[in-house]
């Protein structure tokens, strides 16, 4: 039997050390967990729609309505209680700052609307999307530049959405992503088309059958040659995997970087300066910090297929909505921080910014 002249089973010092270890263990465990910051913030939630969006300290979200939070998700105010067509879903949200932005809606048998605001949602102007109905994505791509998908191609506005012209004739492009420097990518069936001049002209990239039934696409935060694609293959199954596919040359070539069984990925993603996160339906998050070469599976709340209920405020601070409509937040990447940082839980939202790539 091990014996020690300094530390016995009943030593007071041993007891103090034990208590400290327990407290440290408790603190570590508590700080690594997600915190539910709002219950039933979205009482109606489901698949094929919904999104979270964060810009300049303001968090937006919705599914059958639109709500806003000024404290990163703890309290919410409804800005659009219901859409003109009660069967429409919120498809995407895109703000240029805390005040100015747009929201796109659509439904199974509806073209939906584009809603514009210049005063953080106090007032809205509703517009019928340009082109033929059947697509469902619109973004702000630069000062006064609005790009909108339609069944017959891509429409660009260079006067803030007052009028549109068709700049690409295609077959139902339905995802858009932009980095604000004139480079825009649109996902179309099983390929992307890319603009480098703020949507004035487009270059068609090669067709790749494996890309079909993808739900979200984002540029790498610092490299506008790299694209991430969430190819969930949930409702329309083109192969037997649910996967993350990455292109290093703006859609010229694609490589599958994370393959899971069908029904794993939800289609939601969040990209920051140093990480890319992909939400699942029942298996937490998958995160890469090196362009998809290596992955960490992080326990986290999950959401419905074909939804975008995940947003990153920084590399480590994430907010998501689960299948009950509850809002969750982690300040340390679910217990697997990208880099050590001394950020207290539930930081003041005014302090939350993603650093520039040059920093």
Protein backbone atom coordinates (compact mmCIF):
# COMPACT_ATOMS: atom_id res chain seq x y z
CA UNK A 1 0.00 0.00 0.00
CA UNK A 2 1.20 3.50 -0.90
CA UNK A 3 1.92 5.68 2.16
CA UNK A 4 3.10 9.25 2.46
CA UNK A 5 4.39 11.07 5.50
CA UNK A 6 3.19 14.42 4.13
CA UNK A 7 -0.19 13.64 2.58
CA UNK A 8 -2.56 11.24 4.21
CA UNK A 9 -6.11 10.43 3.32
CA UNK A 10 -7.29 12.84 6.00
CA UNK A 11 -4.72 15.60 5.43
CA UNK A 12 -6.30 19.12 5.48
CA UNK A 13 -4.01 20.17 2.65
CA UNK A 14 -5.13 17.18 0.63
CA UNK A 15 -8.76 18.15 1.24
CA UNK A 16 -8.10 21.71 0.07
CA UNK A 17 -6.37 20.45 -3.06
CA UNK A 18 -9.26 18.08 -3.74
CA UNK A 19 -11.81 20.87 -3.40
CA UNK A 20 -9.80 23.11 -5.72
CA UNK A 21 -9.58 20.35 -8.31
CA UNK A 22 -13.32 19.79 -8.12
CA UNK A 23 -13.98 23.51 -8.53
CA UNK A 24 -11.58 23.75 -11.45
CA UNK A 25 -13.20 20.72 -13.05
CA UNK A 26 -16.64 22.23 -12.58
CA UNK A 27 -15.54 25.57 -14.03
CA UNK A 28 -13.95 23.89 -17.02
CA UNK A 29 -17.03 21.79 -17.70
CA UNK A 30 -19.43 24.70 -17.26
CA UNK A 31 -17.40 27.01 -19.48
CA UNK A 32 -17.27 24.41 -22.23
CA UNK A 33 -21.01 23.98 -22.52
CA UNK A 34 -23.52 25.73 -24.67
CA UNK A 35 -25.86 28.06 -22.78
CA UNK A 36 -29.55 28.33 -23.61
CA UNK A 37 -30.02 32.09 -23.73
CA UNK A 38 -33.62 32.25 -24.99
CA UNK A 39 -36.42 29.68 -24.80
CA UNK A 40 -38.88 29.37 -27.66
CA UNK A 41 -37.61 32.51 -29.36
CA UNK A 42 -38.83 30.94 -32.60
CA UNK A 43 -42.01 29.04 -31.71
CA UNK A 44 -42.58 28.05 -35.34
CA UNK A 45 -39.56 26.41 -36.94
CA UNK A 46 -38.92 23.62 -39.42
CA UNK A 47 -37.08 22.60 -42.57
CA UNK A 48 -36.65 24.28 -45.96
CA UNK A 49 -36.10 27.75 -44.57
CA UNK A 50 -34.98 29.88 -41.66
CA UNK A 51 -31.76 31.76 -41.04
CA UNK A 52 -29.65 33.58 -38.45
CA UNK A 53 -27.59 36.61 -39.50
CA UNK A 54 -25.25 38.84 -37.45
CA UNK A 55 -24.02 42.29 -38.46
CA UNK A 56 -22.52 45.11 -36.41
CA UNK A 57 -23.79 43.84 -33.07
CA UNK A 58 -27.30 43.07 -34.35
CA UNK A 59 -28.59 39.50 -34.59
CA UNK A 60 -31.46 38.73 -36.97
CA UNK A 61 -33.40 35.49 -37.31
CA UNK A 62 -36.61 33.98 -38.53
CA UNK A 63 -38.57 31.22 -40.19
CA UNK A 64 -42.22 32.24 -40.64
CA UNK A 65 -41.54 35.71 -39.23
CA UNK A 66 -38.54 38.00 -38.69
CA UNK A 67 -37.11 38.87 -35.27
CA UNK A 68 -34.15 40.93 -34.08
CA UNK A 69 -31.95 40.81 -30.98
CA UNK A 70 -29.65 43.59 -29.75
CA UNK A 71 -28.05 41.42 -27.06
CA UNK A 72 -26.80 38.52 -29.20
CA UNK A 73 -29.91 36.42 -28.75
CA UNK A 74 -31.07 36.77 -25.15
CA UNK A 75 -34.11 38.92 -25.95
CA UNK A 76 -35.97 39.27 -29.24
CA UNK A 77 -38.33 41.77 -30.87
CA UNK A 78 -40.56 40.86 -33.82
CA UNK A 79 -40.02 43.08 -36.85
CA UNK A 80 -42.20 41.25 -39.39
CA UNK A 81 -44.93 39.24 -37.70
CA UNK A 82 -46.01 37.36 -40.82
CA UNK A 83 -45.29 37.50 -44.52
CA UNK A 84 -47.90 38.52 -47.16
CA UNK A 85 -48.18 34.90 -48.26
CA UNK A 86 -48.72 32.95 -45.04
CA UNK A 87 -47.08 29.88 -46.58
CA UNK A 88 -43.78 31.66 -47.28
CA UNK A 89 -40.58 30.90 -45.41
CA UNK A 90 -37.74 33.25 -44.63
CA UNK A 91 -34.94 32.16 -46.97
CA UNK A 92 -32.08 34.57 -46.35
CA UNK A 93 -31.11 37.76 -44.52
CA UNK A 94 -28.34 40.16 -45.57
CA UNK A 95 -27.47 43.44 -43.82
CA UNK A 96 -24.70 45.87 -44.77
CA UNK A 97 -24.66 47.49 -41.30
CA UNK A 98 -26.83 47.68 -38.20
CA UNK A 99 -29.55 49.63 -39.99
CA UNK A 100 -29.60 48.81 -43.71
CA UNK A 101 -30.42 45.38 -45.06
CA UNK A 102 -32.81 43.05 -46.82
CA UNK A 103 -34.75 39.85 -46.25
CA UNK A 104 -35.85 37.34 -48.90
CA UNK A 105 -38.86 35.06 -48.54
CA UNK A 106 -40.29 32.34 -50.77
CA UNK A 107 -42.70 29.42 -50.68
CA UNK A 108 -43.43 26.21 -52.52
CA UNK A 109 -45.89 27.97 -54.83
CA UNK A 110 -44.86 31.56 -54.22
CA UNK A 111 -42.20 33.90 -55.55
CA UNK A 112 -42.08 35.50 -52.13
CA UNK A 113 -40.83 39.01 -51.53
CA UNK A 114 -37.72 41.07 -50.98
CA UNK A 115 -38.08 43.33 -47.93
CA UNK A 116 -35.80 46.36 -47.60
CA UNK A 117 -35.17 48.46 -44.50
CA UNK A 118 -32.99 51.51 -43.77
CA UNK A 119 -33.88 51.83 -40.08
CA UNK A 120 -33.22 48.44 -38.48
CA UNK A 121 -36.62 47.10 -39.37
CA UNK A 122 -38.80 49.96 -38.11
CA UNK A 123 -40.10 50.32 -41.65
CA UNK A 124 -40.01 48.00 -44.64
CA UNK A 125 -40.51 48.26 -48.38
CA UNK A 126 -41.74 45.01 -49.97
CA UNK A 127 -40.84 44.15 -53.54
CA UNK A 128 -41.70 41.25 -55.85
CA UNK A 129 -38.41 39.55 -56.79
CA UNK A 130 -37.29 40.11 -60.39
CA UNK A 131 -37.50 37.35 -62.98
CA UNK A 132 -39.47 34.11 -63.03
CA UNK A 133 -40.51 32.64 -59.69
CA UNK A 134 -38.87 29.44 -58.56
CA UNK A 135 -35.69 30.60 -56.86
CA UNK A 136 -35.13 32.13 -53.44
CA UNK A 137 -31.98 34.10 -52.66
CA UNK A 138 -31.07 37.82 -52.70
CA UNK A 139 -28.00 39.62 -51.32
CA UNK A 140 -26.38 43.02 -50.97
CA UNK A 141 -23.15 42.74 -52.95
CA UNK A 142 -21.75 46.25 -52.60
CA UNK A 143 -22.83 49.89 -52.23
CA UNK A 144 -26.21 50.12 -53.95
CA UNK A 145 -25.76 46.68 -55.53
CA UNK A 146 -28.42 43.97 -55.04
CA UNK A 147 -28.14 40.54 -56.67
CA UNK A 148 -31.19 38.27 -56.89
CA UNK A 149 -31.70 34.71 -58.11
CA UNK A 150 -34.64 33.70 -60.31
CA UNK A 151 -35.72 30.61 -62.22
CA UNK A 152 -34.46 32.21 -65.43
CA UNK A 153 -31.10 33.41 -64.13
CA UNK A 154 -29.52 36.17 -62.07
CA UNK A 155 -30.73 39.75 -61.85
CA UNK A 156 -28.55 42.67 -60.77
CA UNK A 157 -29.52 46.08 -59.48
CA UNK A 158 -27.07 48.95 -59.40
CA UNK A 159 -29.43 51.45 -57.81
CA UNK A 160 -30.24 49.82 -54.49
CA UNK A 161 -32.98 47.53 -55.78
CA UNK A 162 -35.08 50.18 -57.53
CA UNK A 163 -34.69 48.36 -60.84
CA UNK A 164 -33.06 45.12 -62.03
CA UNK A 165 -31.53 43.82 -65.23
CA UNK A 166 -30.85 40.19 -66.04
CA UNK A 167 -27.08 39.74 -66.16
CA UNK A 168 -27.05 35.94 -66.44
CA UNK A 169 -29.48 33.61 -68.19
CA UNK A 170 -29.55 30.28 -66.38
CA UNK A 171 -31.59 27.51 -64.79
CA UNK A 172 -32.66 28.34 -61.23
CA UNK A 173 -29.52 29.47 -59.43
CA UNK A 174 -30.53 29.46 -55.78
CA UNK A 175 -27.58 30.33 -53.49
CA UNK A 176 -25.45 33.48 -53.47
CA UNK A 177 -22.34 34.49 -51.56
CA UNK A 178 -20.18 37.61 -51.78
CA UNK A 179 -17.20 39.12 -50.00
CA UNK A 180 -17.93 42.75 -50.91
CA UNK A 181 -14.91 43.18 -53.21
CA UNK A 182 -16.81 42.54 -56.42
CA UNK A 183 -16.44 38.75 -56.30
CA UNK A 184 -19.81 36.94 -56.18
CA UNK A 185 -20.56 33.24 -56.56
CA UNK A 186 -23.96 31.76 -57.39
CA UNK A 187 -24.78 28.07 -57.07
CA UNK A 188 -26.73 26.66 -60.01
CA UNK A 189 -27.87 23.01 -59.97
CA UNK A 190 -24.43 21.33 -59.96
CA UNK A 191 -22.00 24.14 -60.70
CA UNK A 192 -21.26 27.73 -59.78
CA UNK A 193 -21.17 30.90 -61.84
CA UNK A 194 -18.82 33.65 -60.70
CA UNK A 195 -18.74 37.41 -61.14
CA UNK A 196 -15.69 39.55 -60.44
CA UNK A 197 -17.32 42.88 -61.33
CA UNK A 198 -20.18 43.18 -58.81
CA UNK A 199 -22.63 41.17 -60.89
CA UNK A 200 -22.24 42.87 -64.25
CA UNK A 201 -20.99 39.69 -65.97
CA UNK A 202 -20.63 36.03 -65.05
CA UNK A 203 -18.27 33.12 -65.77
CA UNK A 204 -19.71 29.59 -65.81
CA UNK A 205 -17.66 26.96 -63.99
CA UNK A 206 -17.61 23.22 -64.87
CA UNK A 207 -20.59 20.99 -64.08
CA UNK A 208 -20.03 18.51 -61.23
CA UNK A 209 -22.80 15.99 -60.57
CA UNK A 210 -21.75 15.48 -56.93
CA UNK A 211 -22.69 19.07 -56.07
CA UNK A 212 -26.43 18.59 -56.57
CA UNK A 213 -28.82 19.29 -53.69
CA UNK A 214 -26.51 21.64 -51.81
CA UNK A 215 -28.08 24.17 -49.47
CA UNK A 216 -25.45 26.70 -48.39
CA UNK A 217 -22.26 28.10 -49.88
CA UNK A 218 -19.73 30.57 -48.45
CA UNK A 219 -16.40 32.04 -49.42
CA UNK A 220 -13.49 31.50 -47.10
CA UNK A 221 -13.27 34.59 -44.91
CA UNK A 222 -9.78 35.54 -46.12
CA UNK A 223 -9.38 33.69 -49.42
CA UNK A 224 -11.91 34.50 -52.14
CA UNK A 225 -10.62 31.62 -54.22
CA UNK A 226 -11.88 29.07 -51.68
CA UNK A 227 -15.56 28.11 -51.51
CA UNK A 228 -17.24 25.87 -48.96
CA UNK A 229 -20.38 23.98 -49.97
CA UNK A 230 -22.78 22.21 -47.61
CA UNK A 231 -23.99 19.32 -49.76
CA UNK A 232 -26.50 17.76 -47.37
CA UNK A 233 -28.33 15.61 -49.97
CA UNK A 234 -31.31 15.29 -47.66
CA UNK A 235 -34.45 15.68 -49.74
CA UNK A 236 -32.97 14.84 -53.15
CA UNK A 237 -30.31 12.15 -52.90
CA UNK A 238 -27.76 12.11 -55.70
CA UNK A 239 -25.20 9.89 -53.97
CA UNK A 240 -25.08 8.01 -50.72
CA UNK A 241 -23.26 10.62 -48.60
CA UNK A 242 -23.93 13.90 -46.85
CA UNK A 243 -20.79 15.98 -47.20
CA UNK A 244 -18.80 19.18 -47.18
CA UNK A 245 -17.20 19.97 -50.53
CA UNK A 246 -14.47 22.58 -51.00
CA UNK A 247 -13.11 24.38 -54.04
CA UNK A 248 -9.75 26.15 -53.97
CA UNK A 249 -10.24 27.85 -57.36
CA UNK A 250 -13.68 29.50 -57.21
CA UNK A 251 -15.59 26.48 -58.37
CA UNK A 252 -13.30 25.20 -61.09
CA UNK A 253 -12.62 21.99 -59.18
CA UNK A 254 -14.23 20.49 -56.09
CA UNK A 255 -12.95 18.06 -53.45
CA UNK A 256 -15.07 16.27 -50.86
CA UNK A 257 -13.50 17.06 -47.48
CA UNK A 258 -15.94 15.54 -44.99
CA UNK A 259 -18.21 12.64 -45.91
CA UNK A 260 -20.89 11.37 -43.54
CA UNK A 261 -23.87 9.08 -44.01
CA UNK A 262 -27.06 10.48 -45.51
CA UNK A 263 -29.07 12.59 -43.10
CA UNK A 264 -26.14 14.06 -41.16
CA UNK A 265 -25.52 17.63 -42.36
CA UNK A 266 -28.39 20.12 -42.13
CA UNK A 267 -27.08 22.53 -44.74
CA UNK A 268 -26.19 25.31 -42.27
CA UNK A 269 -22.68 26.71 -42.07
CA UNK A 270 -20.77 29.62 -40.53
CA UNK A 271 -17.38 30.84 -41.73
CA UNK A 272 -15.00 33.04 -39.72
CA UNK A 273 -11.43 34.23 -40.15
CA UNK A 274 -9.94 31.03 -38.77
CA UNK A 275 -12.66 28.39 -38.92
CA UNK A 276 -15.61 26.99 -40.84
CA UNK A 277 -18.50 25.33 -38.98
CA UNK A 278 -21.13 22.97 -40.38
CA UNK A 279 -24.28 22.11 -38.42
CA UNK A 280 -25.84 18.66 -38.42
CA UNK A 281 -29.32 17.29 -37.78
CA UNK A 282 -28.34 15.20 -34.77
CA UNK A 283 -24.53 15.08 -34.45
CA UNK A 284 -23.48 18.53 -33.26
CA UNK A 285 -21.09 20.59 -35.38
CA UNK A 286 -18.14 19.76 -37.58
CA UNK A 287 -15.37 22.36 -37.64
CA UNK A 288 -12.28 22.79 -39.77
CA UNK A 289 -9.52 25.33 -39.26
CA UNK A 290 -7.40 24.38 -42.27
CA UNK A 291 -9.69 24.48 -45.26
CA UNK A 292 -11.19 21.04 -44.68
CA UNK A 293 -8.10 18.88 -44.24
CA UNK A 294 -8.80 18.14 -40.57
CA UNK A 295 -12.05 18.15 -38.60
CA UNK A 296 -13.32 18.37 -35.03
CA UNK A 297 -16.78 17.04 -34.16
CA UNK A 298 -18.17 19.36 -31.47
CA UNK A 299 -21.21 18.54 -29.30
CA UNK A 300 -23.80 21.23 -30.02
CA UNK A 301 -27.54 21.85 -30.45
CA UNK A 302 -28.83 20.77 -33.85
CA UNK A 303 -31.52 21.93 -36.26
CA UNK A 304 -33.72 20.88 -39.17
CA UNK A 305 -32.53 19.88 -42.66
CA UNK A 306 -32.30 22.66 -45.21
CA UNK A 307 -32.03 25.43 -42.65
CA UNK A 308 -29.45 28.11 -41.82
CA UNK A 309 -29.97 28.51 -38.08
CA UNK A 310 -26.28 28.88 -37.20
CA UNK A 311 -24.15 32.04 -37.07
CA UNK A 312 -20.64 32.88 -35.90
CA UNK A 313 -19.99 36.14 -34.05
CA UNK A 314 -16.25 35.46 -33.77
CA UNK A 315 -14.01 32.43 -34.26
CA UNK A 316 -15.23 30.99 -30.96
CA UNK A 317 -18.56 32.64 -30.25
CA UNK A 318 -21.45 30.87 -31.98
CA UNK A 319 -25.22 31.19 -31.78
CA UNK A 320 -27.69 28.60 -33.07
CA UNK A 321 -31.35 27.68 -32.88
CA UNK A 322 -32.37 24.11 -32.10
CA UNK A 323 -35.38 22.10 -33.26
CA UNK A 324 -37.48 23.45 -30.38
CA UNK A 325 -36.89 27.07 -31.39
CA UNK A 326 -34.55 27.69 -28.44
CA UNK A 327 -31.50 29.92 -28.90
CA UNK A 328 -28.09 28.67 -27.70
CA UNK A 329 -24.69 30.29 -27.43
CA UNK A 330 -21.13 29.19 -26.77
CA UNK A 331 -18.20 31.54 -26.13
CA UNK A 332 -15.47 28.94 -26.64
CA UNK A 333 -16.47 26.95 -29.72
CA UNK A 334 -18.41 24.43 -27.65
CA UNK A 335 -15.42 23.65 -25.45
CA UNK A 336 -12.91 23.35 -28.31
CA UNK A 337 -11.66 26.93 -28.75
CA UNK A 338 -9.93 27.84 -31.98
CA UNK A 339 -7.37 29.78 -29.92
CA UNK A 340 -7.20 30.63 -26.21
CA UNK A 341 -9.00 33.85 -25.39
CA UNK A 342 -10.11 35.49 -22.16
CA UNK A 343 -13.70 36.29 -23.08
CA UNK A 344 -16.29 36.20 -20.30
CA UNK A 345 -19.48 34.30 -20.95
CA UNK A 346 -22.15 36.38 -22.74
CA UNK A 347 -19.86 39.21 -23.78
CA UNK A 348 -21.29 42.65 -24.53
CA UNK A 349 -22.34 42.43 -28.21
CA UNK A 350 -20.65 45.75 -28.99
CA UNK A 351 -17.30 44.00 -28.42
CA UNK A 352 -17.97 41.22 -30.90
CA UNK A 353 -16.15 41.64 -34.21
CA UNK A 354 -14.33 39.23 -36.51
CA UNK A 355 -10.79 40.55 -37.02
CA UNK A 356 -9.54 41.55 -40.43
CA UNK A 357 -7.50 38.99 -42.34
CA UNK A 358 -4.40 41.18 -42.19
CA UNK A 359 -4.38 41.24 -38.39
